[in-house]
PDB file of all heavy atoms in Angstrom:
ATOM      1  N   GLY A   1     -40.217  -7.963  37.821  1.00  0.00           N
ATOM      2  CA  GLY A   1     -40.423  -7.508  36.456  1.00  0.00           C
ATOM      3  C   GLY A   1     -40.954  -8.579  35.531  1.00  0.00           C
ATOM      4  O   GLY A   1     -40.837  -8.461  34.321  1.00  0.00           O
ATOM      5  N   GLY A   2     -41.514  -9.641  36.099  1.00  0.00           N
ATOM      6  CA  GLY A   2     -42.075 -10.693  35.274  1.00  0.00           C
ATOM      7  C   GLY A   2     -41.068 -11.678  34.722  1.00  0.00           C
ATOM      8  O   GLY A   2     -41.437 -12.571  33.978  1.00  0.00           O
ATOM      9  N   LEU A   3     -39.780 -11.536  35.044  1.00  0.00           N
ATOM     10  CA  LEU A   3     -38.772 -12.472  34.563  1.00  0.00           C
ATOM     11  C   LEU A   3     -38.692 -13.681  35.489  1.00  0.00           C
ATOM     12  O   LEU A   3     -38.910 -13.561  36.688  1.00  0.00           O
ATOM     13  CB  LEU A   3     -37.396 -11.809  34.477  1.00  0.00           C
ATOM     14  CG  LEU A   3     -37.250 -10.652  33.498  1.00  0.00           C
ATOM     15  CD1 LEU A   3     -35.855 -10.066  33.590  1.00  0.00           C
ATOM     16  CD2 LEU A   3     -37.545 -11.090  32.085  1.00  0.00           C
ATOM     17  N   THR A   4     -38.353 -14.814  34.922  1.00  0.00           N
ATOM     18  CA  THR A   4     -38.164 -16.002  35.754  1.00  0.00           C
ATOM     19  C   THR A   4     -36.801 -15.927  36.431  1.00  0.00           C
ATOM     20  O   THR A   4     -35.940 -15.107  36.070  1.00  0.00           O
ATOM     21  CB  THR A   4     -38.243 -17.280  34.903  1.00  0.00           C
ATOM     22  OG1 THR A   4     -37.144 -17.289  33.996  1.00  0.00           O
ATOM     23  CG2 THR A   4     -39.559 -17.369  34.149  1.00  0.00           C
ATOM     24  N   SER A   5     -36.588 -16.793  37.393  1.00  0.00           N
ATOM     25  CA  SER A   5     -35.304 -16.783  38.097  1.00  0.00           C
ATOM     26  C   SER A   5     -34.158 -17.138  37.147  1.00  0.00           C
ATOM     27  O   SER A   5     -33.052 -16.614  37.287  1.00  0.00           O
ATOM     28  CB  SER A   5     -35.334 -17.740  39.283  1.00  0.00           C
ATOM     29  OG  SER A   5     -35.598 -19.056  38.860  1.00  0.00           O
ATOM     30  N   TRP A   6     -34.407 -18.015  36.155  1.00  0.00           N
ATOM     31  CA  TRP A   6     -33.370 -18.344  35.172  1.00  0.00           C
ATOM     32  C   TRP A   6     -33.021 -17.131  34.318  1.00  0.00           C
ATOM     33  O   TRP A   6     -31.857 -16.883  34.016  1.00  0.00           O
ATOM     34  CB  TRP A   6     -33.813 -19.499  34.277  1.00  0.00           C
ATOM     35  CG  TRP A   6     -33.670 -20.824  34.958  1.00  0.00           C
ATOM     36  CD1 TRP A   6     -34.676 -21.584  35.477  1.00  0.00           C
ATOM     37  CD2 TRP A   6     -32.465 -21.526  35.234  1.00  0.00           C
ATOM     38  NE1 TRP A   6     -34.177 -22.711  36.049  1.00  0.00           N
ATOM     39  CE2 TRP A   6     -32.807 -22.712  35.903  1.00  0.00           C
ATOM     40  CE3 TRP A   6     -31.129 -21.274  34.969  1.00  0.00           C
ATOM     41  CZ2 TRP A   6     -31.862 -23.631  36.320  1.00  0.00           C
ATOM     42  CZ3 TRP A   6     -30.195 -22.201  35.383  1.00  0.00           C
ATOM     43  CH2 TRP A   6     -30.562 -23.355  36.043  1.00  0.00           C
ATOM     44  N   GLU A   7     -34.044 -16.379  33.925  1.00  0.00           N
ATOM     45  CA  GLU A   7     -33.789 -15.179  33.115  1.00  0.00           C
ATOM     46  C   GLU A   7     -33.000 -14.151  33.909  1.00  0.00           C
ATOM     47  O   GLU A   7     -32.092 -13.507  33.377  1.00  0.00           O
ATOM     48  CB  GLU A   7     -35.107 -14.594  32.620  1.00  0.00           C
ATOM     49  CG  GLU A   7     -35.791 -15.450  31.580  1.00  0.00           C
ATOM     50  CD  GLU A   7     -37.204 -15.001  31.262  1.00  0.00           C
ATOM     51  OE1 GLU A   7     -37.892 -14.478  32.158  1.00  0.00           O
ATOM     52  OE2 GLU A   7     -37.609 -15.169  30.100  1.00  0.00           O
ATOM     53  N   TRP A   8     -33.307 -14.008  35.205  1.00  0.00           N
ATOM     54  CA  TRP A   8     -32.539 -13.094  36.045  1.00  0.00           C
ATOM     55  C   TRP A   8     -31.103 -13.585  36.205  1.00  0.00           C
ATOM     56  O   TRP A   8     -30.157 -12.793  36.225  1.00  0.00           O
ATOM     57  CB  TRP A   8     -33.186 -12.918  37.413  1.00  0.00           C
ATOM     58  CG  TRP A   8     -34.280 -11.908  37.398  1.00  0.00           C
ATOM     59  CD1 TRP A   8     -35.608 -12.137  37.539  1.00  0.00           C
ATOM     60  CD2 TRP A   8     -34.148 -10.496  37.219  1.00  0.00           C
ATOM     61  NE1 TRP A   8     -36.311 -10.967  37.458  1.00  0.00           N
ATOM     62  CE2 TRP A   8     -35.439  -9.934  37.260  1.00  0.00           C
ATOM     63  CE3 TRP A   8     -33.062  -9.645  37.020  1.00  0.00           C
ATOM     64  CZ2 TRP A   8     -35.672  -8.572  37.113  1.00  0.00           C
ATOM     65  CZ3 TRP A   8     -33.297  -8.290  36.880  1.00  0.00           C
ATOM     66  CH2 TRP A   8     -34.580  -7.765  36.926  1.00  0.00           C
ATOM     67  N   SER A   9     -30.937 -14.900  36.330  1.00  0.00           N
ATOM     68  CA  SER A   9     -29.586 -15.452  36.472  1.00  0.00           C
ATOM     69  C   SER A   9     -28.746 -15.172  35.234  1.00  0.00           C
ATOM     70  O   SER A   9     -27.585 -14.755  35.339  1.00  0.00           O
ATOM     71  CB  SER A   9     -29.658 -16.959  36.709  1.00  0.00           C
ATOM     72  OG  SER A   9     -30.328 -17.240  37.907  1.00  0.00           O
ATOM     73  N   PHE A  10     -29.318 -15.402  34.062  1.00  0.00           N
ATOM     74  CA  PHE A  10     -28.574 -15.134  32.830  1.00  0.00           C
ATOM     75  C   PHE A  10     -28.312 -13.641  32.641  1.00  0.00           C
ATOM     76  O   PHE A  10     -27.254 -13.260  32.144  1.00  0.00           O
ATOM     77  CB  PHE A  10     -29.307 -15.712  31.615  1.00  0.00           C
ATOM     78  CG  PHE A  10     -29.194 -17.197  31.534  1.00  0.00           C
ATOM     79  CD1 PHE A  10     -30.327 -17.982  31.532  1.00  0.00           C
ATOM     80  CD2 PHE A  10     -27.961 -17.823  31.479  1.00  0.00           C
ATOM     81  CE1 PHE A  10     -30.233 -19.365  31.469  1.00  0.00           C
ATOM     82  CE2 PHE A  10     -27.853 -19.199  31.410  1.00  0.00           C
ATOM     83  CZ  PHE A  10     -28.993 -19.973  31.410  1.00  0.00           C
ATOM     84  N   GLU A  11     -29.243 -12.802  33.037  1.00  0.00           N
ATOM     85  CA  GLU A  11     -29.025 -11.355  32.948  1.00  0.00           C
ATOM     86  C   GLU A  11     -27.892 -10.927  33.875  1.00  0.00           C
ATOM     87  O   GLU A  11     -27.036 -10.118  33.510  1.00  0.00           O
ATOM     88  CB  GLU A  11     -30.310 -10.604  33.286  1.00  0.00           C
ATOM     89  CG  GLU A  11     -30.179  -9.098  33.268  1.00  0.00           C
ATOM     90  CD  GLU A  11     -29.824  -8.515  31.915  1.00  0.00           C
ATOM     91  OE1 GLU A  11     -29.994  -9.201  30.882  1.00  0.00           O
ATOM     92  OE2 GLU A  11     -29.362  -7.356  31.883  1.00  0.00           O
ATOM     93  N   GLY A  12     -27.872 -11.468  35.093  1.00  0.00           N
ATOM     94  CA  GLY A  12     -26.784 -11.157  36.018  1.00  0.00           C
ATOM     95  C   GLY A  12     -25.444 -11.630  35.498  1.00  0.00           C
ATOM     96  O   GLY A  12     -24.439 -10.927  35.597  1.00  0.00           O
ATOM     97  N   LEU A  13     -25.421 -12.827  34.919  1.00  0.00           N
ATOM     98  CA  LEU A  13     -24.189 -13.349  34.339  1.00  0.00           C
ATOM     99  C   LEU A  13     -23.718 -12.479  33.181  1.00  0.00           C
ATOM    100  O   LEU A  13     -22.529 -12.159  33.069  1.00  0.00           O
ATOM    101  CB  LEU A  13     -24.416 -14.784  33.864  1.00  0.00           C
ATOM    102  CG  LEU A  13     -23.231 -15.486  33.224  1.00  0.00           C
ATOM    103  CD1 LEU A  13     -22.119 -15.676  34.235  1.00  0.00           C
ATOM    104  CD2 LEU A  13     -23.662 -16.817  32.665  1.00  0.00           C
ATOM    105  N   ARG A  14     -24.644 -12.064  32.341  1.00  0.00           N
ATOM    106  CA  ARG A  14     -24.297 -11.210  31.201  1.00  0.00           C
ATOM    107  C   ARG A  14     -23.694  -9.889  31.672  1.00  0.00           C
ATOM    108  O   ARG A  14     -22.672  -9.429  31.165  1.00  0.00           O
ATOM    109  CB  ARG A  14     -25.532 -10.932  30.344  1.00  0.00           C
ATOM    110  CG  ARG A  14     -25.241 -10.133  29.081  1.00  0.00           C
ATOM    111  CD  ARG A  14     -26.509  -9.715  28.366  1.00  0.00           C
ATOM    112  NE  ARG A  14     -27.270  -8.723  29.095  1.00  0.00           N
ATOM    113  CZ  ARG A  14     -26.977  -7.409  29.150  1.00  0.00           C
ATOM    114  NH1 ARG A  14     -25.924  -6.945  28.523  1.00  0.00           N
ATOM    115  NH2 ARG A  14     -27.720  -6.579  29.821  1.00  0.00           N
ATOM    116  N   GLN A  15     -24.305  -9.287  32.683  1.00  0.00           N
ATOM    117  CA  GLN A  15     -23.803  -8.007  33.163  1.00  0.00           C
ATOM    118  C   GLN A  15     -22.487  -8.151  33.903  1.00  0.00           C
ATOM    119  O   GLN A  15     -21.631  -7.264  33.834  1.00  0.00           O
ATOM    120  CB  GLN A  15     -24.856  -7.340  34.040  1.00  0.00           C
ATOM    121  CG  GLN A  15     -26.023  -6.838  33.238  1.00  0.00           C
ATOM    122  CD  GLN A  15     -26.995  -6.011  34.074  1.00  0.00           C
ATOM    123  OE1 GLN A  15     -26.642  -5.531  35.145  1.00  0.00           O
ATOM    124  NE2 GLN A  15     -28.192  -5.845  33.572  1.00  0.00           N
ATOM    125  N   ALA A  16     -22.306  -9.258  34.625  1.00  0.00           N
ATOM    126  CA  ALA A  16     -21.051  -9.465  35.352  1.00  0.00           C
ATOM    127  C   ALA A  16     -19.881  -9.675  34.403  1.00  0.00           C
ATOM    128  O   ALA A  16     -18.749  -9.313  34.717  1.00  0.00           O
ATOM    129  CB  ALA A  16     -21.190 -10.660  36.287  1.00  0.00           C
ATOM    130  N   LEU A  17     -20.151 -10.252  33.243  1.00  0.00           N
ATOM    131  CA  LEU A  17     -19.071 -10.532  32.296  1.00  0.00           C
ATOM    132  C   LEU A  17     -18.732  -9.342  31.403  1.00  0.00           C
ATOM    133  O   LEU A  17     -17.815  -9.427  30.601  1.00  0.00           O
ATOM    134  CB  LEU A  17     -19.426 -11.743  31.429  1.00  0.00           C
ATOM    135  CG  LEU A  17     -19.442 -13.066  32.170  1.00  0.00           C
ATOM    136  CD1 LEU A  17     -19.866 -14.186  31.247  1.00  0.00           C
ATOM    137  CD2 LEU A  17     -18.101 -13.359  32.804  1.00  0.00           C
ATOM    138  N   THR A  18     -19.448  -8.246  31.528  1.00  0.00           N
ATOM    139  CA  THR A  18     -19.134  -7.098  30.685  1.00  0.00           C
ATOM    140  C   THR A  18     -18.014  -6.275  31.307  1.00  0.00           C
ATOM    141  O   THR A  18     -16.872  -6.388  30.889  1.00  0.00           O
ATOM    142  CB  THR A  18     -20.386  -6.236  30.452  1.00  0.00           C
ATOM    143  OG1 THR A  18     -20.964  -5.889  31.709  1.00  0.00           O
ATOM    144  CG2 THR A  18     -21.403  -6.970  29.617  1.00  0.00           C
ATOM    145  N   GLY A  19     -18.281  -5.458  32.283  1.00  0.00           N
ATOM    146  CA  GLY A  19     -17.268  -4.576  32.847  1.00  0.00           C
ATOM    147  C   GLY A  19     -16.417  -5.203  33.925  1.00  0.00           C
ATOM    148  O   GLY A  19     -15.188  -5.251  33.812  1.00  0.00           O
ATOM    149  N   PRO A  20     -17.015  -5.707  35.006  1.00  0.00           N
ATOM    150  CA  PRO A  20     -16.211  -6.180  36.137  1.00  0.00           C
ATOM    151  C   PRO A  20     -15.218  -7.275  35.775  1.00  0.00           C
ATOM    152  O   PRO A  20     -14.058  -7.208  36.171  1.00  0.00           O
ATOM    153  CB  PRO A  20     -17.264  -6.693  37.126  1.00  0.00           C
ATOM    154  CG  PRO A  20     -18.501  -5.964  36.775  1.00  0.00           C
ATOM    155  CD  PRO A  20     -18.448  -5.738  35.299  1.00  0.00           C
ATOM    156  N   ALA A  21     -15.634  -8.264  35.029  1.00  0.00           N
ATOM    157  CA  ALA A  21     -14.724  -9.363  34.691  1.00  0.00           C
ATOM    158  C   ALA A  21     -13.568  -8.863  33.833  1.00  0.00           C
ATOM    159  O   ALA A  21     -12.430  -9.311  33.996  1.00  0.00           O
ATOM    160  CB  ALA A  21     -15.487 -10.471  33.970  1.00  0.00           C
ATOM    161  N   PHE A  22     -13.845  -7.934  32.943  1.00  0.00           N
ATOM    162  CA  PHE A  22     -12.796  -7.378  32.083  1.00  0.00           C
ATOM    163  C   PHE A  22     -11.742  -6.655  32.922  1.00  0.00           C
ATOM    164  O   PHE A  22     -10.544  -6.870  32.754  1.00  0.00           O
ATOM    165  CB  PHE A  22     -13.416  -6.420  31.062  1.00  0.00           C
ATOM    166  CG  PHE A  22     -12.422  -5.737  30.185  1.00  0.00           C
ATOM    167  CD1 PHE A  22     -11.777  -6.425  29.187  1.00  0.00           C
ATOM    168  CD2 PHE A  22     -12.130  -4.400  30.377  1.00  0.00           C
ATOM    169  CE1 PHE A  22     -10.848  -5.790  28.377  1.00  0.00           C
ATOM    170  CE2 PHE A  22     -11.211  -3.758  29.578  1.00  0.00           C
ATOM    171  CZ  PHE A  22     -10.556  -4.456  28.572  1.00  0.00           C
ATOM    172  N   PHE A  23     -12.174  -5.823  33.862  1.00  0.00           N
ATOM    173  CA  PHE A  23     -11.223  -5.053  34.661  1.00  0.00           C
ATOM    174  C   PHE A  23     -10.444  -5.932  35.628  1.00  0.00           C
ATOM    175  O   PHE A  23      -9.250  -5.713  35.859  1.00  0.00           O
ATOM    176  CB  PHE A  23     -11.938  -3.928  35.400  1.00  0.00           C
ATOM    177  CG  PHE A  23     -12.469  -2.879  34.466  1.00  0.00           C
ATOM    178  CD1 PHE A  23     -13.823  -2.617  34.394  1.00  0.00           C
ATOM    179  CD2 PHE A  23     -11.625  -2.176  33.638  1.00  0.00           C
ATOM    180  CE1 PHE A  23     -14.314  -1.664  33.518  1.00  0.00           C
ATOM    181  CE2 PHE A  23     -12.100  -1.220  32.753  1.00  0.00           C
ATOM    182  CZ  PHE A  23     -13.451  -0.970  32.701  1.00  0.00           C
ATOM    183  N   VAL A  24     -11.083  -6.946  36.189  1.00  0.00           N
ATOM    184  CA  VAL A  24     -10.369  -7.872  37.067  1.00  0.00           C
ATOM    185  C   VAL A  24      -9.335  -8.654  36.267  1.00  0.00           C
ATOM    186  O   VAL A  24      -8.208  -8.862  36.730  1.00  0.00           O
ATOM    187  CB  VAL A  24     -11.354  -8.808  37.797  1.00  0.00           C
ATOM    188  CG1 VAL A  24     -10.623  -9.939  38.496  1.00  0.00           C
ATOM    189  CG2 VAL A  24     -12.183  -8.022  38.796  1.00  0.00           C
ATOM    190  N   ALA A  25      -9.692  -9.078  35.062  1.00  0.00           N
ATOM    191  CA  ALA A  25      -8.744  -9.823  34.223  1.00  0.00           C
ATOM    192  C   ALA A  25      -7.536  -8.965  33.881  1.00  0.00           C
ATOM    193  O   ALA A  25      -6.399  -9.442  33.949  1.00  0.00           O
ATOM    194  CB  ALA A  25      -9.442 -10.303  32.952  1.00  0.00           C
ATOM    195  N   ILE A  26      -7.753  -7.713  33.528  1.00  0.00           N
ATOM    196  CA  ILE A  26      -6.635  -6.814  33.216  1.00  0.00           C
ATOM    197  C   ILE A  26      -5.744  -6.608  34.444  1.00  0.00           C
ATOM    198  O   ILE A  26      -4.512  -6.628  34.347  1.00  0.00           O
ATOM    199  CB  ILE A  26      -7.164  -5.461  32.684  1.00  0.00           C
ATOM    200  CG1 ILE A  26      -7.882  -5.653  31.345  1.00  0.00           C
ATOM    201  CG2 ILE A  26      -6.054  -4.432  32.569  1.00  0.00           C
ATOM    202  CD1 ILE A  26      -7.014  -6.198  30.236  1.00  0.00           C
ATOM    203  N   ALA A  27      -6.358  -6.452  35.619  1.00  0.00           N
ATOM    204  CA  ALA A  27      -5.577  -6.268  36.846  1.00  0.00           C
ATOM    205  C   ALA A  27      -4.748  -7.512  37.155  1.00  0.00           C
ATOM    206  O   ALA A  27      -3.574  -7.408  37.542  1.00  0.00           O
ATOM    207  CB  ALA A  27      -6.497  -5.943  38.012  1.00  0.00           C
ATOM    208  N   MET A  28      -5.328  -8.689  36.964  1.00  0.00           N
ATOM    209  CA  MET A  28      -4.601  -9.920  37.253  1.00  0.00           C
ATOM    210  C   MET A  28      -3.470 -10.156  36.246  1.00  0.00           C
ATOM    211  O   MET A  28      -2.428 -10.710  36.598  1.00  0.00           O
ATOM    212  CB  MET A  28      -5.551 -11.122  37.270  1.00  0.00           C
ATOM    213  CG  MET A  28      -6.507 -11.135  38.439  1.00  0.00           C
ATOM    214  SD  MET A  28      -5.654 -11.266  40.019  1.00  0.00           S
ATOM    215  CE  MET A  28      -6.041  -9.695  40.758  1.00  0.00           C
ATOM    216  N   ILE A  29      -3.645  -9.717  35.012  1.00  0.00           N
ATOM    217  CA  ILE A  29      -2.555  -9.796  34.035  1.00  0.00           C
ATOM    218  C   ILE A  29      -1.396  -8.911  34.486  1.00  0.00           C
ATOM    219  O   ILE A  29      -0.228  -9.299  34.409  1.00  0.00           O
ATOM    220  CB  ILE A  29      -3.050  -9.406  32.631  1.00  0.00           C
ATOM    221  CG1 ILE A  29      -3.955 -10.509  32.080  1.00  0.00           C
ATOM    222  CG2 ILE A  29      -1.880  -9.153  31.684  1.00  0.00           C
ATOM    223  CD1 ILE A  29      -4.679 -10.138  30.813  1.00  0.00           C
ATOM    224  N   GLY A  30      -1.707  -7.726  34.985  1.00  0.00           N
ATOM    225  CA  GLY A  30      -0.672  -6.829  35.497  1.00  0.00           C
ATOM    226  C   GLY A  30       0.052  -7.417  36.694  1.00  0.00           C
ATOM    227  O   GLY A  30       1.284  -7.331  36.804  1.00  0.00           O
ATOM    228  N   VAL A  31      -0.687  -8.033  37.601  1.00  0.00           N
ATOM    229  CA  VAL A  31      -0.070  -8.669  38.769  1.00  0.00           C
ATOM    230  C   VAL A  31       0.805  -9.834  38.321  1.00  0.00           C
ATOM    231  O   VAL A  31       1.895 -10.052  38.867  1.00  0.00           O
ATOM    232  CB  VAL A  31      -1.158  -9.123  39.773  1.00  0.00           C
ATOM    233  CG1 VAL A  31      -0.596 -10.045  40.827  1.00  0.00           C
ATOM    234  CG2 VAL A  31      -1.804  -7.908  40.420  1.00  0.00           C
ATOM    235  N   GLY A  32       0.357 -10.573  37.314  1.00  0.00           N
ATOM    236  CA  GLY A  32       1.173 -11.665  36.777  1.00  0.00           C
ATOM    237  C   GLY A  32       2.486 -11.157  36.199  1.00  0.00           C
ATOM    238  O   GLY A  32       3.530 -11.790  36.356  1.00  0.00           O
ATOM    239  N   GLY A  33       2.431 -10.001  35.531  1.00  0.00           N
ATOM    240  CA  GLY A  33       3.652  -9.393  35.011  1.00  0.00           C
ATOM    241  C   GLY A  33       4.607  -8.991  36.118  1.00  0.00           C
ATOM    242  O   GLY A  33       5.830  -9.169  35.999  1.00  0.00           O
ATOM    243  N   LEU A  34       4.057  -8.453  37.204  1.00  0.00           N
ATOM    244  CA  LEU A  34       4.910  -8.101  38.356  1.00  0.00           C
ATOM    245  C   LEU A  34       5.540  -9.348  38.966  1.00  0.00           C
ATOM    246  O   LEU A  34       6.711  -9.333  39.347  1.00  0.00           O
ATOM    247  CB  LEU A  34       4.090  -7.369  39.417  1.00  0.00           C
ATOM    248  CG  LEU A  34       3.725  -5.926  39.119  1.00  0.00           C
ATOM    249  CD1 LEU A  34       2.751  -5.400  40.166  1.00  0.00           C
ATOM    250  CD2 LEU A  34       4.982  -5.079  39.116  1.00  0.00           C
ATOM    251  N   ALA A  35       4.754 -10.408  39.084  1.00  0.00           N
ATOM    252  CA  ALA A  35       5.277 -11.644  39.667  1.00  0.00           C
ATOM    253  C   ALA A  35       6.399 -12.205  38.800  1.00  0.00           C
ATOM    254  O   ALA A  35       7.421 -12.650  39.311  1.00  0.00           O
ATOM    255  CB  ALA A  35       4.154 -12.671  39.811  1.00  0.00           C
ATOM    256  N   ARG A  36       6.206 -12.149  37.497  1.00  0.00           N
ATOM    257  CA  ARG A  36       7.250 -12.654  36.596  1.00  0.00           C
ATOM    258  C   ARG A  36       8.498 -11.776  36.682  1.00  0.00           C
ATOM    259  O   ARG A  36       9.623 -12.267  36.674  1.00  0.00           O
ATOM    260  CB  ARG A  36       6.721 -12.690  35.169  1.00  0.00           C
ATOM    261  CG  ARG A  36       7.684 -13.320  34.226  1.00  0.00           C
ATOM    262  CD  ARG A  36       7.099 -13.437  32.843  1.00  0.00           C
ATOM    263  NE  ARG A  36       8.060 -14.043  31.974  1.00  0.00           N
ATOM    264  CZ  ARG A  36       7.859 -15.150  31.316  1.00  0.00           C
ATOM    265  NH1 ARG A  36       6.711 -15.766  31.416  1.00  0.00           N
ATOM    266  NH2 ARG A  36       8.783 -15.637  30.536  1.00  0.00           N
ATOM    267  N   GLY A  37       8.305 -10.466  36.770  1.00  0.00           N
ATOM    268  CA  GLY A  37       9.440  -9.559  36.899  1.00  0.00           C
ATOM    269  C   GLY A  37      10.199  -9.746  38.205  1.00  0.00           C
ATOM    270  O   GLY A  37      11.394  -9.479  38.281  1.00  0.00           O
TER     271      GLY A  37
END
């Protein structure tokens, strides 16, 4: 699409930090609560 490899890297990072990272963080917080309990 005419983007450089750096632009693709930043786009991938931006998209990875939107949904997937949020849901993994929430899941790990829940697991931490279970471990503490």
